[in-house]
């Protein structure tokens, strides 16, 4: 038998709910930034979302382990450059970087492969510059105490404008301290095959695969480039270049600003390499890698006042220091290339051995370029190469407009529910409105705290989930009230109908909310990105709906049913007048029927 409304003690339930709200809002105002504002996504506050698509040399699926490793490295880069509020998530084979506010430009460089290696230069060739410069190259004497790092190539090399703008040079740490071992390229024209190599024509793209698969096409482009530019026979056993193969490889390579290299991040360090360098003014034939970038212990950027340039300083680990010292001591007078993602960042001459491993990359870097390079080298190379498949920027104004639109939509939804409840349930509708308001306060506090504790960001998809949750919460009230009507229709009073109706209604409410929560949970697990935000808010609101129905709605209805107020006890004011009248008629008919049976 169901307990009566008087045995419910609704005051205890309401007190427990009040304590929950007080604790939540105490945490809101006493922790974090003490402001009651949820963490907003970029579609609400503006920002940038960059999607990076993983590529593999064979066009196959990258492993989950390599994707997770790439995500972790990108997160370290994010933390290193201090971009606040940035999120790095996996979306299938994509890494999605979300940067709120006006710091989006920094996110576009976070996905660089940063595959750094050190190779010996076998030969180099000048890259024709169009249009040609008419002014002769300028020659600047070296600064006193600094190595000869500013002399451009002689005639036949590009002009001063193209050969020195940003062309990095390398020297040991200390910026020109005595004993510096590295300097920029010699002033003589680079060695053969510069005189015999024809100007490279535009590279011929690999034919698209018959099945139209983008991954297959990328894999084919990588294989074609590797067959030409990483042919093991490019360099003979005697260390001399195969002129015919080198000429073909250099002819197939186009060095131009923003040119996409299919080998970027996919070159084989065990094979020789033909690559661009010095801001696309040279093509280099390089030996296999002798020192990987993973041996770099630290990297930082600073301003070198002696030459008026921003520089990048490298410190090697113990094993790397030994390899670097051994190589520089055996190759004095030769060139060593610093190769970053198949691009030669610097190819300085070795003047003396560098025994301490402290090396400095210098050139006409801007402050941002030097910092980006040092951060990428410092926080590690990615295990995969990535192509930027999408970069979306949302202005703060558009984000504010989206937030206003979401709030208006939610407000309209609440208003429609309020009008319906007041029209159909009257005083019970007022209880519904109060319960919805308390539910909204509970949801808001939880969203603020989740933004602080787990970094949850509220976006438009999340707002959509909250708006739909309004209907789910209102549906619980409707189920309860309709069960009350069923009990009253059977001839019971409002007071006796409340506990019986609750017992019957709560089973349906639990089943309905259970199905909604299960659907939201499954959607959250199998979905990614914005859809996950929608599923999260929908599932969270469904759980909080049960809290409100059990601790607020049912106790309030029980309090009304036991009230001695004439206004509250009037069934018409509760929207139950017609139902109670029908119940009275059924009860009278039943009584008359029983009397007739007795008389018979």
Protein backbone atom coordinates (compact mmCIF):
# COMPACT_ATOMS: atom_id res chain seq x y z
CA UNK A 1 0.00 0.00 0.00
CA UNK A 2 1.35 3.43 -0.93
CA UNK A 3 2.37 5.76 1.86
CA UNK A 4 0.16 8.74 2.42
CA UNK A 5 1.21 12.24 1.54
CA UNK A 6 1.41 13.12 5.18
CA UNK A 7 4.09 10.47 5.78
CA UNK A 8 6.31 11.83 3.00
CA UNK A 9 7.71 14.73 5.05
CA UNK A 10 8.35 16.93 1.98
CA UNK A 11 10.30 19.42 4.08
CA UNK A 12 13.23 17.00 4.32
CA UNK A 13 13.39 16.56 0.55
CA UNK A 14 13.23 20.29 -0.09
CA UNK A 15 15.90 20.93 2.55
CA UNK A 16 18.20 18.36 0.94
CA UNK A 17 17.73 20.01 -2.47
CA UNK A 18 18.41 23.45 -0.96
CA UNK A 19 21.64 22.15 0.59
CA UNK A 20 22.74 20.75 -2.79
CA UNK A 21 22.13 24.11 -4.48
CA UNK A 22 23.91 26.02 -1.70
CA UNK A 23 26.98 23.76 -1.90
CA UNK A 24 27.13 24.03 -5.70
CA UNK A 25 26.90 27.81 -5.74
CA UNK A 26 29.36 28.08 -2.87
CA UNK A 27 31.82 26.20 -5.07
CA UNK A 28 30.93 28.47 -8.00
CA UNK A 29 31.64 31.69 -6.09
CA UNK A 30 34.46 30.51 -3.84
CA UNK A 31 36.63 28.54 -6.28
CA UNK A 32 38.31 29.25 -9.61
CA UNK A 33 37.84 32.82 -10.82
CA UNK A 34 34.81 33.27 -8.50
CA UNK A 35 32.63 34.22 -11.47
CA UNK A 36 29.37 32.41 -12.35
CA UNK A 37 30.23 32.06 -16.01
CA UNK A 38 30.48 28.73 -17.85
CA UNK A 39 33.38 28.01 -20.14
CA UNK A 40 32.21 28.73 -23.69
CA UNK A 41 33.26 27.04 -26.93
CA UNK A 42 34.64 28.93 -29.90
CA UNK A 43 31.27 29.06 -31.63
CA UNK A 44 30.00 31.15 -28.70
CA UNK A 45 33.01 33.27 -27.73
CA UNK A 46 34.91 33.23 -31.03
CA UNK A 47 38.18 31.50 -31.84
CA UNK A 48 39.82 29.08 -34.25
CA UNK A 49 39.38 25.37 -34.90
CA UNK A 50 42.13 23.63 -36.87
CA UNK A 51 41.62 20.07 -38.15
CA UNK A 52 44.75 18.08 -38.98
CA UNK A 53 44.43 14.88 -41.01
CA UNK A 54 47.04 12.18 -40.38
CA UNK A 55 48.96 10.79 -43.36
CA UNK A 56 51.01 7.62 -43.61
CA UNK A 57 53.55 6.79 -46.35
CA UNK A 58 51.58 3.74 -47.50
CA UNK A 59 48.17 5.41 -47.30
CA UNK A 60 47.03 3.02 -44.59
CA UNK A 61 45.30 3.73 -41.31
CA UNK A 62 47.55 5.28 -38.64
CA UNK A 63 47.69 3.34 -35.39
CA UNK A 64 45.76 4.58 -32.37
CA UNK A 65 49.00 4.64 -30.42
CA UNK A 66 50.67 7.03 -32.89
CA UNK A 67 47.58 9.25 -32.96
CA UNK A 68 47.50 9.47 -29.18
CA UNK A 69 51.23 10.21 -29.11
CA UNK A 70 50.74 13.00 -31.66
CA UNK A 71 47.88 14.45 -29.61
CA UNK A 72 50.01 14.43 -26.46
CA UNK A 73 52.91 16.17 -28.22
CA UNK A 74 50.59 18.84 -29.61
CA UNK A 75 49.17 19.34 -26.11
CA UNK A 76 52.70 19.85 -24.78
CA UNK A 77 53.31 22.42 -27.51
CA UNK A 78 50.07 24.16 -26.55
CA UNK A 79 51.09 24.29 -22.89
CA UNK A 80 54.56 25.45 -23.84
CA UNK A 81 53.39 28.48 -25.82
CA UNK A 82 50.80 29.38 -23.16
CA UNK A 83 47.65 29.39 -25.26
CA UNK A 84 44.93 29.26 -22.61
CA UNK A 85 41.72 27.28 -23.03
CA UNK A 86 42.97 25.26 -26.00
CA UNK A 87 41.64 21.73 -26.49
CA UNK A 88 43.26 18.95 -28.52
CA UNK A 89 40.92 16.08 -29.38
CA UNK A 90 41.02 13.02 -31.61
CA UNK A 91 38.31 12.72 -34.26
CA UNK A 92 38.95 9.47 -36.09
CA UNK A 93 42.21 10.00 -37.99
CA UNK A 94 42.03 13.74 -37.36
CA UNK A 95 43.46 15.85 -34.57
CA UNK A 96 41.18 18.80 -33.83
CA UNK A 97 42.78 21.83 -32.15
CA UNK A 98 40.32 24.36 -30.70
CA UNK A 99 41.69 27.73 -29.62
CA UNK A 100 39.30 30.27 -28.05
CA UNK A 101 39.67 34.02 -28.38
CA UNK A 102 42.15 35.83 -30.58
CA UNK A 103 45.07 33.40 -30.31
CA UNK A 104 44.06 31.22 -33.24
CA UNK A 105 47.05 32.05 -35.46
CA UNK A 106 49.35 30.20 -33.07
CA UNK A 107 47.34 26.99 -33.48
CA UNK A 108 48.10 26.73 -37.19
CA UNK A 109 51.75 25.87 -36.52
CA UNK A 110 51.07 23.36 -33.74
CA UNK A 111 50.60 20.49 -36.17
CA UNK A 112 53.98 20.79 -37.84
CA UNK A 113 55.70 17.45 -37.96
CA UNK A 114 58.96 18.95 -36.67
CA UNK A 115 60.93 15.96 -37.85
CA UNK A 116 64.43 17.32 -37.45
CA UNK A 117 67.55 15.50 -38.55
CA UNK A 118 71.17 16.31 -39.30
CA UNK A 119 72.64 15.22 -42.65
CA UNK A 120 75.93 15.80 -44.41
CA UNK A 121 75.70 17.87 -47.61
CA UNK A 122 77.04 16.04 -50.66
CA UNK A 123 76.34 18.77 -53.22
CA UNK A 124 73.99 21.68 -53.85
CA UNK A 125 72.57 23.60 -56.78
CA UNK A 126 71.16 27.09 -57.07
CA UNK A 127 67.44 27.49 -57.58
CA UNK A 128 66.65 30.05 -60.32
CA UNK A 129 64.93 33.14 -58.98
CA UNK A 130 62.16 34.80 -61.01
CA UNK A 131 62.19 37.71 -61.66
CA UNK A 132 65.97 38.06 -61.64
CA UNK A 133 67.52 40.79 -59.54
CA UNK A 134 69.56 43.38 -61.38
CA UNK A 135 71.45 44.68 -58.37
CA UNK A 136 74.71 42.86 -57.60
CA UNK A 137 74.86 40.93 -54.36
CA UNK A 138 76.09 42.88 -51.40
CA UNK A 139 79.00 41.65 -49.35
CA UNK A 140 79.11 42.51 -45.67
CA UNK A 141 82.28 41.95 -43.70
CA UNK A 142 81.88 39.85 -40.60
CA UNK A 143 81.38 41.57 -37.29
CA UNK A 144 84.38 41.67 -35.05
CA UNK A 145 84.47 38.63 -32.81
CA UNK A 146 81.75 36.82 -34.77
CA UNK A 147 82.18 34.12 -37.36
CA UNK A 148 81.90 34.90 -41.02
CA UNK A 149 78.14 34.37 -41.25
CA UNK A 150 76.90 37.09 -43.54
CA UNK A 151 78.73 36.55 -46.81
CA UNK A 152 76.34 35.54 -49.58
CA UNK A 153 77.23 33.19 -52.42
CA UNK A 154 79.25 34.63 -55.28
CA UNK A 155 78.10 35.28 -58.81
CA UNK A 156 75.69 32.71 -59.99
CA UNK A 157 74.03 32.66 -56.58
CA UNK A 158 70.82 34.55 -55.96
CA UNK A 159 70.93 38.26 -55.27
CA UNK A 160 71.30 39.70 -51.82
CA UNK A 161 67.56 40.10 -51.42
CA UNK A 162 66.66 36.50 -52.11
CA UNK A 163 69.72 34.78 -50.69
CA UNK A 164 69.89 36.49 -47.34
CA UNK A 165 66.27 37.19 -46.43
CA UNK A 166 65.69 34.70 -43.67
CA UNK A 167 68.41 32.31 -44.88
CA UNK A 168 69.48 30.83 -41.57
CA UNK A 169 73.04 30.20 -40.62
CA UNK A 170 74.41 28.20 -37.76
CA UNK A 171 77.09 28.70 -35.20
CA UNK A 172 77.73 27.45 -31.67
CA UNK A 173 76.10 28.95 -28.64
CA UNK A 174 77.49 32.23 -27.48
CA UNK A 175 76.73 34.19 -30.60
CA UNK A 176 80.14 34.79 -32.07
CA UNK A 177 82.27 33.76 -29.15
CA UNK A 178 85.86 32.79 -29.99
CA UNK A 179 86.20 29.29 -31.23
CA UNK A 180 82.84 29.27 -32.95
CA UNK A 181 82.77 26.31 -35.23
CA UNK A 182 79.93 26.96 -37.67
CA UNK A 183 79.41 29.75 -40.14
CA UNK A 184 77.21 30.40 -43.16
CA UNK A 185 78.00 28.91 -46.54
CA UNK A 186 81.26 29.90 -48.16
CA UNK A 187 81.28 32.78 -50.56
CA UNK A 188 82.16 30.48 -53.43
CA UNK A 189 79.49 29.01 -55.66
CA UNK A 190 78.22 25.67 -54.30
CA UNK A 191 79.75 22.53 -55.68
CA UNK A 192 78.52 20.47 -58.59
CA UNK A 193 76.01 19.71 -59.90
CA UNK A 194 75.17 23.42 -59.87
CA UNK A 195 76.80 24.01 -63.25
CA UNK A 196 75.33 20.98 -64.93
CA UNK A 197 71.90 20.74 -63.43
CA UNK A 198 69.18 22.14 -65.68
CA UNK A 199 66.54 24.46 -64.23
CA UNK A 200 63.89 22.29 -62.60
CA UNK A 201 60.55 22.23 -64.35
CA UNK A 202 57.26 22.15 -62.49
CA UNK A 203 56.86 18.89 -60.68
CA UNK A 204 54.53 16.42 -62.25
CA UNK A 205 51.83 15.30 -59.83
CA UNK A 206 51.20 11.63 -59.42
CA UNK A 207 48.14 10.41 -61.27
CA UNK A 208 45.02 10.06 -59.17
CA UNK A 209 44.05 6.51 -58.31
CA UNK A 210 41.19 4.89 -60.11
CA UNK A 211 39.11 4.53 -56.97
CA UNK A 212 39.39 8.24 -56.19
CA UNK A 213 40.75 7.59 -52.71
CA UNK A 214 42.54 10.61 -51.31
CA UNK A 215 44.69 8.42 -49.04
CA UNK A 216 45.73 6.25 -51.98
CA UNK A 217 46.60 9.31 -54.03
CA UNK A 218 48.69 10.73 -51.18
CA UNK A 219 50.48 7.42 -50.78
CA UNK A 220 51.24 7.31 -54.49
CA UNK A 221 52.62 10.87 -54.43
CA UNK A 222 54.85 9.94 -51.51
CA UNK A 223 56.14 6.81 -53.23
CA UNK A 224 56.87 8.66 -56.49
CA UNK A 225 58.76 11.40 -54.65
CA UNK A 226 60.67 8.88 -52.55
CA UNK A 227 61.68 6.85 -55.62
CA UNK A 228 63.23 9.95 -57.22
CA UNK A 229 64.54 11.94 -54.26
CA UNK A 230 65.53 9.10 -51.91
CA UNK A 231 66.97 6.65 -54.38
CA UNK A 232 69.69 4.70 -52.51
CA UNK A 233 71.93 5.05 -55.58
CA UNK A 234 71.93 8.87 -55.45
CA UNK A 235 75.20 8.63 -53.50
CA UNK A 236 77.74 5.94 -54.31
CA UNK A 237 79.75 3.87 -51.88
CA UNK A 238 82.64 6.31 -52.35
CA UNK A 239 80.45 9.20 -51.24
CA UNK A 240 80.27 10.71 -54.72
CA UNK A 241 76.92 11.72 -56.26
CA UNK A 242 75.41 9.90 -59.25
CA UNK A 243 75.08 12.92 -61.51
CA UNK A 244 72.37 11.47 -63.74
CA UNK A 245 70.09 10.43 -60.87
CA UNK A 246 70.76 13.65 -58.96
CA UNK A 247 69.86 15.76 -61.99
CA UNK A 248 66.58 13.91 -62.44
CA UNK A 249 65.72 14.23 -58.75
CA UNK A 250 66.50 17.94 -58.65
CA UNK A 251 64.59 18.53 -61.88
CA UNK A 252 61.53 16.85 -60.37
CA UNK A 253 61.71 19.03 -57.26
CA UNK A 254 60.14 22.49 -57.29
CA UNK A 255 61.31 24.86 -54.59
CA UNK A 256 58.75 27.62 -54.22
CA UNK A 257 57.06 29.45 -51.34
CA UNK A 258 54.14 27.46 -49.87
CA UNK A 259 54.90 24.49 -52.16
CA UNK A 260 53.61 21.26 -50.60
CA UNK A 261 56.24 18.55 -50.31
CA UNK A 262 54.69 15.05 -50.29
CA UNK A 263 57.74 13.79 -48.38
CA UNK A 264 57.17 16.25 -45.53
CA UNK A 265 57.32 14.14 -42.40
CA UNK A 266 57.54 10.95 -44.50
CA UNK A 267 61.17 10.86 -45.59
CA UNK A 268 63.32 7.88 -44.65
CA UNK A 269 66.28 8.99 -42.50
CA UNK A 270 68.26 5.90 -43.62
CA UNK A 271 68.33 7.04 -47.26
CA UNK A 272 69.88 10.05 -49.02
CA UNK A 273 67.60 12.98 -49.71
CA UNK A 274 67.23 15.73 -52.29
CA UNK A 275 65.63 18.74 -50.58
CA UNK A 276 65.04 22.48 -50.84
CA UNK A 277 66.69 24.95 -48.52
CA UNK A 278 67.78 28.50 -47.78
CA UNK A 279 64.26 29.84 -48.41
CA UNK A 280 63.97 27.95 -51.69
CA UNK A 281 67.17 29.37 -53.18
CA UNK A 282 69.13 26.08 -53.10
CA UNK A 283 68.59 22.40 -53.75
CA UNK A 284 70.68 20.00 -51.74
CA UNK A 285 71.79 16.40 -52.11
CA UNK A 286 72.17 15.04 -48.59
CA UNK A 287 73.57 11.87 -47.13
CA UNK A 288 71.50 9.68 -44.79
CA UNK A 289 70.78 11.16 -41.39
CA UNK A 290 73.62 10.79 -38.91
CA UNK A 291 71.94 12.51 -35.93
CA UNK A 292 68.18 12.55 -35.23
CA UNK A 293 66.39 15.54 -33.74
CA UNK A 294 65.25 13.40 -30.85
CA UNK A 295 68.74 13.90 -29.41
CA UNK A 296 67.93 17.57 -28.78
CA UNK A 297 67.67 18.13 -25.02
CA UNK A 298 66.39 21.70 -25.11
CA UNK A 299 65.71 24.56 -27.47
CA UNK A 300 64.99 28.23 -26.90
CA UNK A 301 64.98 31.50 -28.76
CA UNK A 302 66.51 34.82 -27.83
CA UNK A 303 67.73 38.05 -29.39
CA UNK A 304 71.44 38.16 -30.26
CA UNK A 305 72.49 41.76 -29.90
CA UNK A 306 75.91 41.13 -31.51
CA UNK A 307 74.37 40.54 -34.96
CA UNK A 308 70.92 42.06 -34.35
CA UNK A 309 69.04 38.82 -35.06
CA UNK A 310 66.71 36.41 -33.33
CA UNK A 311 68.40 33.04 -32.89
CA UNK A 312 67.45 29.51 -31.86
CA UNK A 313 69.76 27.73 -29.41
CA UNK A 314 70.02 23.92 -29.31
CA UNK A 315 71.43 21.73 -26.55
CA UNK A 316 71.98 18.04 -27.25
CA UNK A 317 71.62 15.07 -24.96
CA UNK A 318 74.76 13.20 -23.94
CA UNK A 319 74.63 10.71 -26.83
CA UNK A 320 73.79 13.47 -29.31
CA UNK A 321 76.64 15.62 -28.04
CA UNK A 322 79.10 12.77 -28.64
CA UNK A 323 77.79 12.08 -32.16
CA UNK A 324 77.82 15.79 -33.04
CA UNK A 325 81.34 16.25 -31.71
CA UNK A 326 82.60 13.21 -33.61
CA UNK A 327 80.95 14.35 -36.87
CA UNK A 328 82.18 17.95 -36.69
CA UNK A 329 85.72 16.86 -35.87
CA UNK A 330 85.83 14.52 -38.91
CA UNK A 331 84.18 16.90 -41.37
CA UNK A 332 85.90 20.24 -40.88
CA UNK A 333 85.41 22.29 -44.03
CA UNK A 334 82.28 20.32 -45.01
CA UNK A 335 78.65 21.38 -44.77
CA UNK A 336 76.15 19.96 -42.26
CA UNK A 337 72.46 20.42 -43.05
CA UNK A 338 69.79 20.93 -40.42
CA UNK A 339 66.75 19.34 -42.08
CA UNK A 340 63.32 20.16 -40.66
CA UNK A 341 60.41 18.35 -42.32
CA UNK A 342 62.46 17.74 -45.51
CA UNK A 343 63.44 21.44 -45.70
CA UNK A 344 67.04 22.49 -45.12
CA UNK A 345 66.83 25.12 -42.40
CA UNK A 346 70.55 25.75 -42.44
CA UNK A 347 73.61 24.26 -44.17
CA UNK A 348 76.64 25.87 -42.52
CA UNK A 349 80.29 25.07 -43.05
CA UNK A 350 82.07 23.34 -40.19
CA UNK A 351 85.13 25.35 -39.15
CA UNK A 352 86.09 23.54 -35.94
CA UNK A 353 84.71 20.66 -33.90
CA UNK A 354 81.88 21.45 -31.49
CA UNK A 355 82.59 19.31 -28.45
CA UNK A 356 80.01 20.68 -25.99
CA UNK A 357 76.96 20.19 -28.23
CA UNK A 358 75.73 23.78 -27.83
CA UNK A 359 74.64 24.96 -31.27
CA UNK A 360 72.88 28.07 -32.44
CA UNK A 361 70.72 28.52 -35.54
CA UNK A 362 70.78 32.12 -36.68
CA UNK A 363 69.21 33.97 -39.55
CA UNK A 364 66.76 36.73 -40.29
CA UNK A 365 64.04 35.20 -38.15
CA UNK A 366 61.26 37.31 -36.76
CA UNK A 367 60.62 36.92 -33.06
CA UNK A 368 57.54 34.78 -33.76
CA UNK A 369 59.39 32.56 -36.26
CA UNK A 370 62.26 31.94 -33.86
CA UNK A 371 59.89 31.13 -31.00
CA UNK A 372 57.76 28.81 -33.15
CA UNK A 373 60.83 26.90 -34.33
CA UNK A 374 62.29 26.57 -30.84
CA UNK A 375 58.97 25.42 -29.38
CA UNK A 376 58.49 22.82 -32.11
CA UNK A 377 62.01 21.46 -31.58
CA UNK A 378 61.72 21.61 -27.79
CA UNK A 379 58.47 19.68 -27.44
CA UNK A 380 59.29 16.90 -29.84
CA UNK A 381 58.54 15.69 -33.32
CA UNK A 382 55.22 14.15 -34.25
CA UNK A 383 55.18 10.44 -35.11
CA UNK A 384 52.91 11.16 -38.10
CA UNK A 385 52.73 13.79 -40.78
CA UNK A 386 49.59 15.88 -40.91
CA UNK A 387 47.83 17.89 -43.58
CA UNK A 388 45.67 20.83 -42.51
CA UNK A 389 42.27 19.81 -43.90
CA UNK A 390 40.23 22.57 -42.27
CA UNK A 391 40.77 25.81 -40.38
CA UNK A 392 37.67 27.63 -39.19
CA UNK A 393 37.80 31.02 -37.54
CA UNK A 394 34.78 32.43 -35.71
CA UNK A 395 34.85 36.09 -34.77
CA UNK A 396 33.86 37.16 -31.27
CA UNK A 397 30.93 39.12 -32.74
CA UNK A 398 29.60 36.05 -34.53
CA UNK A 399 30.07 33.98 -31.39
CA UNK A 400 28.08 36.51 -29.36
CA UNK A 401 25.31 36.46 -31.95
CA UNK A 402 25.24 32.64 -31.78
CA UNK A 403 25.01 32.75 -27.98
CA UNK A 404 22.16 35.25 -28.13
CA UNK A 405 20.35 33.09 -30.69
CA UNK A 406 20.73 30.04 -28.45
CA UNK A 407 19.45 31.92 -25.40
CA UNK A 408 16.49 33.26 -27.36
CA UNK A 409 15.64 29.76 -28.59
CA UNK A 410 15.83 28.42 -25.05
CA UNK A 411 13.74 31.29 -23.74
CA UNK A 412 11.04 30.73 -26.35
CA UNK A 413 10.98 27.02 -25.51
CA UNK A 414 10.56 27.75 -21.80
CA UNK A 415 7.84 30.33 -22.47
CA UNK A 416 5.84 27.86 -24.58
CA UNK A 417 6.11 25.23 -21.82
CA UNK A 418 5.06 27.78 -19.20
CA UNK A 419 2.01 28.87 -21.17
CA UNK A 420 0.95 25.28 -21.79
CA UNK A 421 1.38 24.31 -18.13
CA UNK A 422 -0.53 27.35 -16.85
CA UNK A 423 -3.35 26.83 -19.31
CA UNK A 424 -3.71 23.09 -18.78
CA UNK A 425 -2.60 22.52 -15.16
CA UNK A 426 -3.07 25.97 -13.59
CA UNK A 427 -1.63 25.81 -10.05
CA UNK A 428 0.14 22.55 -10.83
CA UNK A 429 1.56 24.40 -13.82
CA UNK A 430 3.02 26.96 -11.43
CA UNK A 431 4.77 24.10 -9.61
CA UNK A 432 6.08 22.94 -12.97
CA UNK A 433 7.50 26.39 -13.73
CA UNK A 434 9.13 26.54 -10.29
CA UNK A 435 10.64 23.08 -10.77
CA UNK A 436 11.99 24.03 -14.20
CA UNK A 437 13.55 27.20 -12.77
CA UNK A 438 15.24 25.23 -9.99
CA UNK A 439 16.38 22.64 -12.52
CA UNK A 440 17.88 25.42 -14.65
CA UNK A 441 19.75 26.82 -11.63
CA UNK A 442 21.11 23.36 -10.86
CA UNK A 443 22.23 22.74 -14.45
CA UNK A 444 23.91 26.17 -14.69
CA UNK A 445 25.98 25.62 -11.53
CA UNK A 446 27.07 22.18 -12.72
CA UNK A 447 28.12 23.59 -16.12
CA UNK A 448 30.25 26.29 -14.48
CA UNK A 449 31.98 23.76 -12.23
CA UNK A 450 32.54 21.23 -15.00
CA UNK A 451 34.21 23.97 -17.06
CA UNK A 452 36.66 24.54 -14.22
CA UNK A 453 37.27 20.95 -13.19
CA UNK A 454 37.35 19.01 -16.46
CA UNK A 455 37.56 21.83 -19.02
CA UNK A 456 34.06 21.25 -20.42
CA UNK A 457 33.10 23.98 -22.89
CA UNK A 458 29.51 24.87 -23.66
CA UNK A 459 28.89 25.29 -27.38
CA UNK A 460 25.84 25.60 -29.61
CA UNK A 461 25.42 21.82 -29.73
CA UNK A 462 25.43 21.74 -25.93
CA UNK A 463 22.81 24.48 -25.80
CA UNK A 464 20.69 22.41 -28.20
CA UNK A 465 20.97 19.49 -25.76
CA UNK A 466 19.82 21.74 -22.91
CA UNK A 467 16.83 22.98 -24.90
CA UNK A 468 15.75 19.42 -25.70
CA UNK A 469 16.22 18.55 -22.02
CA UNK A 470 13.53 21.14 -21.19
CA UNK A 471 11.04 18.91 -22.98
CA UNK A 472 12.32 15.81 -21.15
CA UNK A 473 11.97 17.53 -17.77
CA UNK A 474 8.49 18.83 -18.61
CA UNK A 475 7.56 15.33 -19.78
CA UNK A 476 8.27 13.97 -16.29
CA UNK A 477 5.83 16.48 -14.82
CA UNK A 478 3.19 15.61 -17.38
CA UNK A 479 3.52 11.89 -16.57
CA UNK A 480 3.09 12.60 -12.85
CA UNK A 481 0.12 14.93 -13.26
CA UNK A 482 -1.64 12.63 -15.67
CA UNK A 483 -1.26 9.75 -13.20
CA UNK A 484 -2.87 12.00 -10.58
CA UNK A 485 -5.76 12.60 -12.95
CA UNK A 486 -6.16 8.85 -13.45
CA UNK A 487 -6.42 8.32 -9.71
CA UNK A 488 -8.91 11.17 -9.26
CA UNK A 489 -10.90 9.94 -12.25
CA UNK A 490 -11.34 6.67 -10.39
CA UNK A 491 -13.08 8.58 -7.57
CA UNK A 492 -10.20 9.27 -5.14
CA UNK A 493 -9.56 12.62 -3.54
CA UNK A 494 -6.57 14.75 -4.50
CA UNK A 495 -4.88 13.98 -1.18
CA UNK A 496 -5.18 10.23 -1.54
CA UNK A 497 -4.36 10.35 -5.27
CA UNK A 498 -0.89 11.96 -4.74
CA UNK A 499 0.97 8.98 -3.17
CA UNK A 500 -0.78 6.43 -5.41
CA UNK A 501 -0.17 8.49 -8.53
CA UNK A 502 3.50 8.97 -7.59
CA UNK A 503 4.12 5.25 -7.18
CA UNK A 504 2.70 4.60 -10.64
CA UNK A 505 4.31 7.65 -12.25
CA UNK A 506 7.85 7.20 -10.97
CA UNK A 507 8.21 3.85 -12.74
CA UNK A 508 7.31 5.48 -16.05
CA UNK A 509 9.55 8.48 -15.31
CA UNK A 510 12.51 6.22 -14.49
CA UNK A 511 11.95 4.18 -17.64
CA UNK A 512 11.63 7.29 -19.83
CA UNK A 513 14.66 9.04 -18.37
CA UNK A 514 16.63 5.78 -18.46
CA UNK A 515 16.03 5.42 -22.19
CA UNK A 516 16.98 9.06 -22.78
CA UNK A 517 20.16 8.74 -20.73
CA UNK A 518 21.12 5.49 -22.46
CA UNK A 519 20.67 7.10 -25.87
CA UNK A 520 22.78 10.11 -24.79
CA UNK A 521 25.51 7.83 -23.38
CA UNK A 522 25.73 5.74 -26.55
CA UNK A 523 25.80 8.90 -28.68
CA UNK A 524 28.57 10.34 -26.52
CA UNK A 525 30.70 7.20 -26.88
CA UNK A 526 30.39 6.77 -30.64
CA UNK A 527 30.35 10.47 -31.57
CA UNK A 528 33.05 13.15 -31.52
CA UNK A 529 33.29 16.91 -31.41
CA UNK A 530 30.10 18.95 -31.28
CA UNK A 531 27.85 15.90 -31.20
CA UNK A 532 29.56 14.79 -28.00
CA UNK A 533 28.73 18.17 -26.46
CA UNK A 534 25.09 17.68 -27.39
CA UNK A 535 25.02 14.17 -25.90
CA UNK A 536 26.81 15.30 -22.73
CA UNK A 537 24.39 18.10 -21.86
CA UNK A 538 21.40 15.92 -22.77
CA UNK A 539 22.56 13.08 -20.50
CA UNK A 540 23.52 15.43 -17.66
CA UNK A 541 20.16 17.24 -17.81
CA UNK A 542 18.33 13.91 -17.79
CA UNK A 543 20.06 12.89 -14.55
CA UNK A 544 19.36 16.27 -12.95
CA UNK A 545 15.73 15.95 -14.05
CA UNK A 546 15.38 12.95 -11.74
CA UNK A 547 16.92 14.94 -8.89
CA UNK A 548 14.39 17.75 -9.37
CA UNK A 549 11.38 15.45 -9.75
CA UNK A 550 12.25 13.43 -6.62
CA UNK A 551 13.43 16.29 -4.39
CA UNK A 552 11.26 19.18 -5.58
CA UNK A 553 8.22 18.38 -7.72
CA UNK A 554 6.78 15.44 -5.79
CA UNK A 555 7.32 17.07 -2.35
CA UNK A 556 5.70 20.32 -3.52
CA UNK A 557 2.65 18.49 -4.88
CA UNK A 558 2.42 16.56 -1.60
CA UNK A 559 2.54 19.82 0.35
CA UNK A 560 -0.28 21.27 -1.76
CA UNK A 561 -2.40 18.14 -1.31
CA UNK A 562 -2.18 18.37 2.51
CA UNK A 563 -2.69 22.15 2.64
CA UNK A 564 -5.77 23.45 4.48
CA UNK A 565 -5.90 26.60 2.34
CA UNK A 566 -9.29 26.91 0.56
CA UNK A 567 -7.52 28.23 -2.51
CA UNK A 568 -5.07 25.34 -2.74
CA UNK A 569 -7.69 22.74 -1.93
CA UNK A 570 -10.02 23.87 -4.69
CA UNK A 571 -9.68 21.32 -7.55
CA UNK A 572 -10.54 23.97 -10.14
CA UNK A 573 -7.46 25.98 -9.18
CA UNK A 574 -5.36 22.88 -9.69
CA UNK A 575 -6.73 22.10 -13.14
CA UNK A 576 -8.46 19.03 -11.72
CA UNK A 577 -12.04 20.31 -11.53
CA UNK A 578 -13.39 18.46 -14.57
CA UNK A 579 -11.55 15.28 -13.64
CA UNK A 580 -12.80 15.36 -10.06
CA UNK A 581 -16.36 15.94 -11.30
CA UNK A 582 -16.05 12.91 -13.56
CA UNK A 583 -14.66 10.91 -10.65
CA UNK A 584 -17.57 11.91 -8.44
CA UNK A 585 -20.02 10.83 -11.14
CA UNK A 586 -18.28 7.47 -11.48
CA UNK A 587 -18.25 7.03 -7.73
CA UNK A 588 -21.98 7.87 -7.51
CA UNK A 589 -22.78 5.49 -10.35
CA UNK A 590 -20.81 2.76 -8.64
CA UNK A 591 -22.65 3.40 -5.37
CA UNK A 592 -26.05 3.31 -7.10
CA UNK A 593 -25.11 0.09 -8.85
CA UNK A 594 -24.10 -1.54 -5.59
CA UNK A 595 -27.37 -0.40 -3.95
CA UNK A 596 -29.40 -1.89 -6.79
CA UNK A 597 -27.54 -5.14 -6.42
CA UNK A 598 -28.32 -5.28 -2.72
CA UNK A 599 -32.03 -4.52 -3.31
CA UNK A 600 -32.21 -7.26 -5.88
